[in-house]
Every structure is written in structure tokens, then in C-alpha cells.
Amino acid sequence: MKKYLSMHRFVFVPIVLLIGMASMAGAAPLDVYSNNFDGTEVMSPGVTGGMGGSGGIESVQGYGSYGFSVNLWRNATVNPAGSTILSLNNLPAHDSVDISFLLAFIDSWDSIDGTVTPDYFNVKVDGINVLQITANNQSGSVNYGGTLLTPVPRLDLGWNWRWGDQGFDMANEPALFLAHTGNALSVEFFASGAGWQGTSDESWGIENLKVTVNTTSTSVPEPATMLLFVTGIAGLAVTRLRRKRQ
């Protein structure tokens, strides 16, 4: 009986240790908010809030050929430009947040390589400006080093036919991956620049907006590794017991 208990204790202890290690592992990334502006706004259970502020939902027009779906959120407010704001509350426990979306630079954006005052697209998170980028639609040059979806030079994708348009996938923008632990999140999108005009002259749009929260994981064995480890320990215990019997 004592040998039986000894063997099971020998196996049980590492199993408990591994279960404890697994419980320390961080949760998988969780999409707490997504919106394609096609009538599907999704928040994870318990999370509240949503889109608001300046702008509204419009057709993606020519951007539909470059990864955008049916509609986007367009902001064409004049200077000083109004902000589009995503507010989320009751977020689950996390230590970082990832914000991704498709960005449309629409019509006559002026940039740092032009002869006029540049226009900027900005993102603030909880009141702190984390991103400021620009593009030159008039010349067709690309001034932002992100993932370009549309070809250059100038390409008319709708709205004001006199100007070109550009689009970017912001999913890989490092400035939008942030340390964050609060249970509330405010993401503010807006244009700026002394020469910003808005209306039909220049505007911006976002689509496929998603917010993901993450929890840093403790290094733990993969399931297969854990199984091999436990199996090995059990084998050693059986071998040890057999030797004692002999």
C-alpha cells in the first residue's frame, strides 16, 4: 500500500505543478470590438460603448477593389476638424491593446513633400496622440511607410474625381499596439493641419475597425510537451517500483 501511494505521489506532484503553470499562462488575444460599418458592430460580452462623434457611414466606392467591403466611416469635417471617437467600457483584464483598421486618404491630401501646408491623420488613445501620418494624393507619392493597398500614382476611387486617393492597412502599425490596463478605452480619429479643408476637397475614412486586448503569457510547455513530461515521470515511477519489488 505504501509503495502504491509513493508511486502515485511521484506522478501526482508534477501533474499539479504543470496544471499550476498552465493556469499562470495569459489568456489568448480577445477581440473586444469589431465593426465593418456594414451593419455589423460586435462587442464581446459585457463590453459597452461604440462609435460616435463626427462623420458617418458611406459607401466605399472605388475602395471596394482594394480590400474594403461595402461601407466605411467617412469624416469630412472642416478645420478645426471634428473627431470620430470609439469608446469602450468594461473591458476584461489585459495589459496591452491592439487597434487595427483600413485607412482611406480621400481626395486632395497635401503632404510634407508638397508646396502647401501638410494635412495629417491622427489617432489619440485615452487623450494621448499615438499616431500622426500624412499622404500626398495630389502628386501620388506615398509619405507613410505602412502597408499600401492602392496603387500609385494618383487613382480616383470616388467622391471628388479631380483628385487621387490612397488606402492603407493599419494592422501592422506598431504605434497602434499599446500597453494598456484600464477597463475603459477611448480611441479618437481626426485630421489636422493649418491647410486642412475637409468637405469635398479632402477627407478620410476607416473600415474593418477592430480592437483586441492581450494578456502577456508566462512561458509554459506546449500540451504535447506536458504530456511527454508526465508520461516520462510515470514511467520512471513504474520502473522504480519494479526495482523495489525485485
Protein backbone atom coordinates (compact mmCIF):
# COMPACT_ATOMS: atom_id res chain seq x y z
CA MET A 1 0.00 0.00 0.00
CA LYS A 2 2.84 2.39 0.88
CA LYS A 3 4.54 1.66 -2.46
CA TYR A 4 1.26 2.34 -4.24
CA LEU A 5 0.87 5.71 -2.54
CA SER A 6 4.54 6.53 -3.14
CA MET A 7 4.24 5.95 -6.88
CA HIS A 8 1.08 8.00 -7.19
CA ARG A 9 2.60 10.84 -5.20
CA PHE A 10 5.58 10.71 -7.55
CA VAL A 11 3.27 11.14 -10.55
CA PHE A 12 0.72 13.46 -8.93
CA VAL A 13 3.16 16.19 -7.89
CA PRO A 14 4.46 17.06 -11.40
CA ILE A 15 0.91 16.99 -12.75
CA VAL A 16 -0.19 19.53 -10.14
CA LEU A 17 2.86 21.67 -10.92
CA LEU A 18 2.08 21.65 -14.64
CA ILE A 19 -1.57 22.49 -14.05
CA GLY A 20 -0.47 25.41 -11.89
CA MET A 21 1.94 26.57 -14.59
CA ALA A 22 -0.82 26.35 -17.20
CA SER A 23 -3.14 28.42 -15.01
CA MET A 24 -0.48 31.15 -14.92
CA ALA A 25 -0.48 31.41 -18.71
CA GLY A 26 -2.08 34.51 -20.15
CA ALA A 27 -5.38 34.34 -21.95
CA ALA A 28 -5.41 34.30 -25.74
CA PRO A 29 -5.91 37.64 -27.52
CA LEU A 30 -9.57 38.66 -27.40
CA ASP A 31 -11.33 40.82 -30.00
CA VAL A 32 -13.46 43.06 -27.81
CA TYR A 33 -14.78 45.22 -30.65
CA SER A 34 -15.14 44.96 -34.43
CA ASN A 35 -17.09 46.97 -36.97
CA ASN A 36 -17.13 46.72 -40.76
CA PHE A 37 -19.77 49.51 -40.95
CA ASP A 38 -22.00 47.22 -42.97
CA GLY A 39 -24.45 46.91 -40.10
CA THR A 40 -22.29 44.55 -38.03
CA GLU A 41 -20.91 46.12 -34.86
CA VAL A 42 -19.72 43.38 -32.47
CA MET A 43 -18.62 43.73 -28.84
CA SER A 44 -17.56 40.87 -26.59
CA PRO A 45 -19.98 40.04 -23.73
CA GLY A 46 -20.06 42.69 -21.04
CA VAL A 47 -18.25 45.36 -23.08
CA THR A 48 -20.27 48.51 -23.75
CA GLY A 49 -19.81 51.63 -25.87
CA GLY A 50 -19.41 52.14 -29.61
CA MET A 51 -18.69 54.65 -32.37
CA GLY A 52 -19.66 58.30 -32.18
CA GLY A 53 -18.57 61.83 -32.89
CA SER A 54 -18.11 63.39 -36.33
CA GLY A 55 -18.66 61.60 -39.60
CA GLY A 56 -20.93 58.81 -40.72
CA ILE A 57 -21.30 55.67 -42.78
CA GLU A 58 -20.92 55.89 -46.57
CA SER A 59 -20.21 53.57 -49.49
CA VAL A 60 -16.57 52.63 -50.02
CA GLN A 61 -16.97 53.45 -53.73
CA GLY A 62 -13.78 52.53 -55.63
CA TYR A 63 -12.02 51.32 -52.49
CA GLY A 64 -14.05 48.13 -52.82
CA SER A 65 -11.42 46.83 -55.26
CA TYR A 66 -8.68 47.14 -52.63
CA GLY A 67 -9.82 45.18 -49.59
CA PHE A 68 -12.59 47.48 -48.32
CA SER A 69 -16.07 45.98 -48.07
CA VAL A 70 -19.41 47.71 -48.63
CA ASN A 71 -19.26 50.76 -46.36
CA LEU A 72 -16.75 52.82 -44.40
CA TRP A 73 -16.91 55.57 -41.80
CA ARG A 74 -16.03 58.88 -43.50
CA ASN A 75 -15.11 62.13 -41.75
CA ALA A 76 -15.10 65.26 -43.94
CA THR A 77 -15.39 67.94 -41.25
CA VAL A 78 -13.72 71.32 -41.84
CA ASN A 79 -10.89 72.90 -39.86
CA PRO A 80 -10.74 72.54 -36.92
CA ALA A 81 -11.78 69.03 -37.83
CA GLY A 82 -14.20 67.14 -35.62
CA SER A 83 -13.16 63.82 -34.11
CA THR A 84 -14.61 60.37 -34.64
CA ILE A 85 -14.47 58.57 -31.29
CA LEU A 86 -14.67 54.92 -30.33
CA SER A 87 -15.44 54.48 -26.62
CA LEU A 88 -15.31 51.11 -24.90
CA ASN A 89 -16.09 50.28 -21.27
CA ASN A 90 -15.98 47.21 -19.02
CA LEU A 91 -13.00 45.69 -20.81
CA PRO A 92 -11.73 42.37 -19.44
CA ALA A 93 -8.38 42.24 -17.62
CA HIS A 94 -5.47 42.86 -20.02
CA ASP A 95 -2.08 44.52 -20.25
CA SER A 96 -1.99 45.67 -23.88
CA VAL A 97 -4.33 46.64 -26.67
CA ASP A 98 -4.07 46.37 -30.45
CA ILE A 99 -6.06 48.67 -32.76
CA SER A 100 -6.39 47.84 -36.46
CA PHE A 101 -8.35 49.24 -39.39
CA LEU A 102 -8.21 50.08 -43.08
CA LEU A 103 -7.49 53.76 -43.73
CA ALA A 104 -8.63 55.79 -46.74
CA PHE A 105 -6.92 59.08 -47.63
CA ILE A 106 -9.64 60.63 -49.80
CA ASP A 107 -9.12 63.45 -52.34
CA SER A 108 -6.55 66.28 -52.22
CA TRP A 109 -4.39 65.48 -49.19
CA ASP A 110 -1.29 67.64 -49.02
CA SER A 111 1.90 66.31 -47.51
CA ILE A 112 5.41 67.28 -46.45
CA ASP A 113 6.74 66.90 -50.00
CA GLY A 114 4.35 69.48 -51.44
CA THR A 115 4.35 73.26 -51.63
CA VAL A 116 1.45 73.82 -49.24
CA THR A 117 0.84 73.14 -45.56
CA PRO A 118 0.59 69.37 -44.94
CA ASP A 119 -2.56 67.61 -43.74
CA TYR A 120 -2.34 64.97 -41.02
CA PHE A 121 -4.38 61.99 -39.88
CA ASN A 122 -4.15 61.45 -36.13
CA VAL A 123 -5.06 58.79 -33.60
CA LYS A 124 -5.34 59.54 -29.89
CA VAL A 125 -5.72 56.80 -27.30
CA ASP A 126 -7.07 57.91 -23.92
CA GLY A 127 -6.19 61.50 -24.82
CA ILE A 128 -2.60 60.82 -25.90
CA ASN A 129 -1.63 61.27 -29.57
CA VAL A 130 -0.02 57.97 -30.61
CA LEU A 131 -0.04 58.34 -34.40
CA GLN A 132 0.26 61.21 -36.90
CA ILE A 133 0.73 60.42 -40.60
CA THR A 134 0.20 62.11 -43.96
CA ALA A 135 0.00 61.38 -47.67
CA ASN A 136 0.22 63.40 -50.85
CA ASN A 137 -2.69 62.47 -53.06
CA GLN A 138 -2.05 65.36 -55.43
CA SER A 139 1.35 64.10 -56.53
CA GLY A 140 0.58 60.42 -55.95
CA SER A 141 3.61 59.94 -53.71
CA VAL A 142 3.46 57.81 -50.58
CA ASN A 143 4.65 59.54 -47.42
CA TYR A 144 3.53 56.94 -44.92
CA GLY A 145 5.59 53.77 -44.70
CA GLY A 146 2.72 51.42 -43.89
CA THR A 147 1.04 48.68 -45.92
CA LEU A 148 -0.22 50.34 -49.10
CA LEU A 149 -3.39 48.80 -50.55
CA THR A 150 -3.88 51.06 -53.54
CA PRO A 151 -1.51 51.64 -56.46
CA VAL A 152 0.30 54.91 -57.05
CA PRO A 153 0.44 57.41 -58.67
CA ARG A 154 -2.93 59.08 -58.30
CA LEU A 155 -6.01 56.88 -58.57
CA ASP A 156 -9.56 58.22 -58.44
CA LEU A 157 -11.61 55.96 -56.16
CA GLY A 158 -14.67 58.15 -55.86
CA TRP A 159 -16.02 61.33 -54.23
CA ASN A 160 -14.14 64.18 -55.96
CA TRP A 161 -12.94 62.92 -59.35
CA ARG A 162 -10.29 65.63 -59.66
CA TRP A 163 -8.04 64.11 -57.03
CA GLY A 164 -6.42 60.76 -56.37
CA ASP A 165 -6.95 58.51 -53.36
CA GLN A 166 -4.81 56.15 -51.31
CA GLY A 167 -5.56 53.33 -48.87
CA PHE A 168 -3.54 51.58 -46.16
CA ASP A 169 -3.92 48.53 -43.96
CA MET A 170 -3.05 49.70 -40.45
CA ALA A 171 -2.97 46.21 -38.88
CA ASN A 172 0.84 46.19 -38.74
CA GLU A 173 1.32 49.74 -37.45
CA PRO A 174 3.45 49.41 -34.27
CA ALA A 175 2.16 52.71 -32.87
CA LEU A 176 -1.29 51.12 -32.54
CA PHE A 177 -0.07 48.28 -30.32
CA LEU A 178 -0.04 49.81 -26.86
CA ALA A 179 0.47 48.96 -23.21
CA HIS A 180 -2.94 49.37 -21.61
CA THR A 181 -4.57 48.02 -18.44
CA GLY A 182 -7.63 50.18 -17.81
CA ASN A 183 -11.18 48.85 -18.10
CA ALA A 184 -12.11 51.77 -20.38
CA LEU A 185 -10.63 52.79 -23.73
CA SER A 186 -11.11 55.89 -25.87
CA VAL A 187 -9.79 55.96 -29.45
CA GLU A 188 -10.06 59.31 -31.25
CA PHE A 189 -9.54 59.70 -35.01
CA PHE A 190 -9.19 63.20 -36.52
CA ALA A 191 -7.50 65.32 -39.19
CA SER A 192 -5.30 68.33 -38.51
CA GLY A 193 -3.03 70.85 -40.23
CA ALA A 194 -3.33 74.55 -40.93
CA GLY A 195 -4.35 73.85 -44.51
CA TRP A 196 -6.96 71.20 -43.78
CA GLN A 197 -10.17 71.93 -45.70
CA GLY A 198 -12.45 68.93 -45.35
CA THR A 199 -15.75 68.65 -47.24
CA SER A 200 -15.32 67.56 -50.87
CA ASP A 201 -11.71 68.75 -51.01
CA GLU A 202 -10.17 66.25 -48.61
CA SER A 203 -11.44 63.71 -46.10
CA TRP A 204 -10.59 60.34 -44.60
CA GLY A 205 -12.33 57.05 -43.94
CA ILE A 206 -11.81 53.94 -41.82
CA GLU A 207 -13.12 50.42 -42.32
CA ASN A 208 -12.82 46.98 -40.67
CA LEU A 209 -12.09 48.61 -37.31
CA LYS A 210 -11.03 46.11 -34.63
CA VAL A 211 -9.78 46.36 -31.04
CA THR A 212 -8.01 43.39 -29.47
CA VAL A 213 -6.90 43.08 -25.84
CA ASN A 214 -3.98 40.86 -24.85
CA THR A 215 -2.54 39.38 -21.68
CA THR A 216 1.16 38.60 -21.55
CA SER A 217 1.68 34.83 -21.28
CA THR A 218 4.02 33.11 -18.84
CA SER A 219 6.30 30.66 -20.61
CA VAL A 220 4.71 27.22 -20.21
CA PRO A 221 5.21 23.91 -22.03
CA GLU A 222 3.09 23.15 -25.07
CA PRO A 223 0.39 20.48 -24.46
CA ALA A 224 2.41 17.79 -26.27
CA THR A 225 5.50 18.62 -24.21
CA MET A 226 3.47 18.49 -21.00
CA LEU A 227 2.09 15.06 -21.95
CA LEU A 228 5.56 13.69 -22.69
CA PHE A 229 6.86 15.07 -19.40
CA VAL A 230 4.07 13.48 -17.34
CA THR A 231 4.39 10.20 -19.26
CA GLY A 232 8.12 10.15 -18.63
CA ILE A 233 7.66 10.78 -14.91
CA ALA A 234 5.06 8.00 -14.73
CA GLY A 235 7.45 5.63 -16.50
CA LEU A 236 10.22 6.41 -14.06
CA ALA A 237 7.88 5.78 -11.15
CA VAL A 238 6.85 2.37 -12.53
CA THR A 239 10.49 1.41 -13.13
CA ARG A 240 11.44 2.46 -9.63
CA LEU A 241 8.58 0.44 -8.13
CA ARG A 242 9.54 -2.68 -10.10
CA ARG A 243 13.13 -2.45 -8.91
CA LYS A 244 11.99 -2.21 -5.30
CA ARG A 245 9.80 -5.29 -5.75
CA GLN A 246 12.71 -7.23 -7.20
